[in-house]
C-alpha atoms as a PDB file:
ATOM      1  CA  UNK A   1      73.785 -89.492 -29.991  1.00  0.00           C
ATOM      2  CA  UNK A   2      73.910 -87.654 -26.668  1.00  0.00           C
ATOM      3  CA  UNK A   3      70.980 -87.617 -24.344  1.00  0.00           C
ATOM      4  CA  UNK A   4      70.130 -84.209 -22.962  1.00  0.00           C
ATOM      5  CA  UNK A   5      68.602 -83.973 -19.537  1.00  0.00           C
ATOM      6  CA  UNK A   6      66.079 -81.210 -19.126  1.00  0.00           C
ATOM      7  CA  UNK A   7      65.890 -79.411 -15.805  1.00  0.00           C
ATOM      8  CA  UNK A   8      63.036 -80.557 -13.582  1.00  0.00           C
ATOM      9  CA  UNK A   9      59.923 -78.404 -13.683  1.00  0.00           C
ATOM     10  CA  UNK A  10      59.243 -76.123 -10.755  1.00  0.00           C
ATOM     11  CA  UNK A  11      56.228 -76.739  -8.602  1.00  0.00           C
ATOM     12  CA  UNK A  12      53.278 -74.690  -9.664  1.00  0.00           C
ATOM     13  CA  UNK A  13      50.615 -73.115  -7.518  1.00  0.00           C
ATOM     14  CA  UNK A  14      48.165 -75.912  -8.311  1.00  0.00           C
ATOM     15  CA  UNK A  15      50.569 -78.601  -7.148  1.00  0.00           C
ATOM     16  CA  UNK A  16      51.342 -76.737  -3.940  1.00  0.00           C
ATOM     17  CA  UNK A  17      47.626 -76.266  -3.209  1.00  0.00           C
ATOM     18  CA  UNK A  18      47.016 -79.950  -3.889  1.00  0.00           C
ATOM     19  CA  UNK A  19      49.771 -80.986  -1.484  1.00  0.00           C
ATOM     20  CA  UNK A  20      48.395 -78.610   1.148  1.00  0.00           C
ATOM     21  CA  UNK A  21      44.928 -80.123   0.692  1.00  0.00           C
ATOM     22  CA  UNK A  22      46.306 -83.666   0.936  1.00  0.00           C
ATOM     23  CA  UNK A  23      48.124 -82.762   4.129  1.00  0.00           C
ATOM     24  CA  UNK A  24      44.771 -81.655   5.554  1.00  0.00           C
ATOM     25  CA  UNK A  25      43.117 -84.916   4.497  1.00  0.00           C
ATOM     26  CA  UNK A  26      45.855 -86.976   6.103  1.00  0.00           C
ATOM     27  CA  UNK A  27      45.691 -84.888   9.281  1.00  0.00           C
ATOM     28  CA  UNK A  28      41.921 -85.407   9.400  1.00  0.00           C
ATOM     29  CA  UNK A  29      42.328 -89.181   9.144  1.00  0.00           C
ATOM     30  CA  UNK A  30      45.008 -89.220  11.845  1.00  0.00           C
ATOM     31  CA  UNK A  31      42.780 -87.167  14.132  1.00  0.00           C
ATOM     32  CA  UNK A  32      39.829 -89.486  13.501  1.00  0.00           C
ATOM     33  CA  UNK A  33      42.015 -92.525  14.234  1.00  0.00           C
ATOM     34  CA  UNK A  34      43.158 -90.924  17.473  1.00  0.00           C
ATOM     35  CA  UNK A  35      39.605 -90.038  18.537  1.00  0.00           C
ATOM     36  CA  UNK A  36      37.838 -93.358  17.838  1.00  0.00           C
ATOM     37  CA  UNK A  37      40.675 -95.837  18.362  1.00  0.00           C
ATOM     38  CA  UNK A  38      42.202 -98.376  16.026  1.00  0.00           C
ATOM     39  CA  UNK A  39      39.529-101.089  16.263  1.00  0.00           C
ATOM     40  CA  UNK A  40      36.591 -98.822  15.547  1.00  0.00           C
ATOM     41  CA  UNK A  41      38.521 -96.978  12.851  1.00  0.00           C
ATOM     42  CA  UNK A  42      39.365-100.189  10.962  1.00  0.00           C
ATOM     43  CA  UNK A  43      35.799-101.540  11.293  1.00  0.00           C
ATOM     44  CA  UNK A  44      34.547 -98.794   8.973  1.00  0.00           C
ATOM     45  CA  UNK A  45      35.603 -99.751   5.440  1.00  0.00           C
ATOM     46  CA  UNK A  46      35.508 -96.120   4.276  1.00  0.00           C
ATOM     47  CA  UNK A  47      38.352 -95.399   6.680  1.00  0.00           C
ATOM     48  CA  UNK A  48      40.372 -98.257   5.203  1.00  0.00           C
ATOM     49  CA  UNK A  49      39.739 -96.890   1.710  1.00  0.00           C
ATOM     50  CA  UNK A  50      40.769 -93.408   2.888  1.00  0.00           C
ATOM     51  CA  UNK A  51      43.944 -94.865   4.379  1.00  0.00           C
ATOM     52  CA  UNK A  52      44.849 -96.639   1.136  1.00  0.00           C
ATOM     53  CA  UNK A  53      44.093 -93.524  -0.910  1.00  0.00           C
ATOM     54  CA  UNK A  54      46.202 -91.316   1.349  1.00  0.00           C
ATOM     55  CA  UNK A  55      49.024 -93.869   1.231  1.00  0.00           C
ATOM     56  CA  UNK A  56      48.951 -93.747  -2.572  1.00  0.00           C
ATOM     57  CA  UNK A  57      49.061 -89.930  -2.471  1.00  0.00           C
ATOM     58  CA  UNK A  58      52.109 -90.022  -0.194  1.00  0.00           C
ATOM     59  CA  UNK A  59      53.796 -92.623  -2.417  1.00  0.00           C
ATOM     60  CA  UNK A  60      53.153 -90.468  -5.491  1.00  0.00           C
ATOM     61  CA  UNK A  61      54.671 -87.410  -3.842  1.00  0.00           C
ATOM     62  CA  UNK A  62      57.664 -89.460  -2.672  1.00  0.00           C
ATOM     63  CA  UNK A  63      58.244 -90.820  -6.182  1.00  0.00           C
ATOM     64  CA  UNK A  64      58.019 -87.314  -7.641  1.00  0.00           C
ATOM     65  CA  UNK A  65      60.636 -86.123  -5.144  1.00  0.00           C
ATOM     66  CA  UNK A  66      62.955 -89.017  -5.984  1.00  0.00           C
ATOM     67  CA  UNK A  67      62.584 -88.323  -9.710  1.00  0.00           C
ATOM     68  CA  UNK A  68      63.172 -84.604  -9.124  1.00  0.00           C
ATOM     69  CA  UNK A  69      66.401 -85.197  -7.198  1.00  0.00           C
ATOM     70  CA  UNK A  70      67.675 -87.826  -9.642  1.00  0.00           C
ATOM     71  CA  UNK A  71      67.251 -85.403 -12.530  1.00  0.00           C
ATOM     72  CA  UNK A  72      68.771 -82.591 -10.506  1.00  0.00           C
ATOM     73  CA  UNK A  73      71.863 -84.715  -9.771  1.00  0.00           C
ATOM     74  CA  UNK A  74      72.378 -85.413 -13.489  1.00  0.00           C
ATOM     75  CA  UNK A  75      72.502 -81.694 -14.310  1.00  0.00           C
END
């Protein structure tokens, strides 16, 4: 039994728009951190939640890229 590897799917318009939107969210958080300083930024729990959420988004994108390149190397 041979295992066939399907080519990775191409990024669609929705995924590209989502990544563009996430880049804007991350930029907004970085700008807010720069403006208010680290201590004040961390004192607001919503900022900590935003940071964790953005970190999970970045990790998801990184894992998708790793999976994409691993499949591409097997072709």
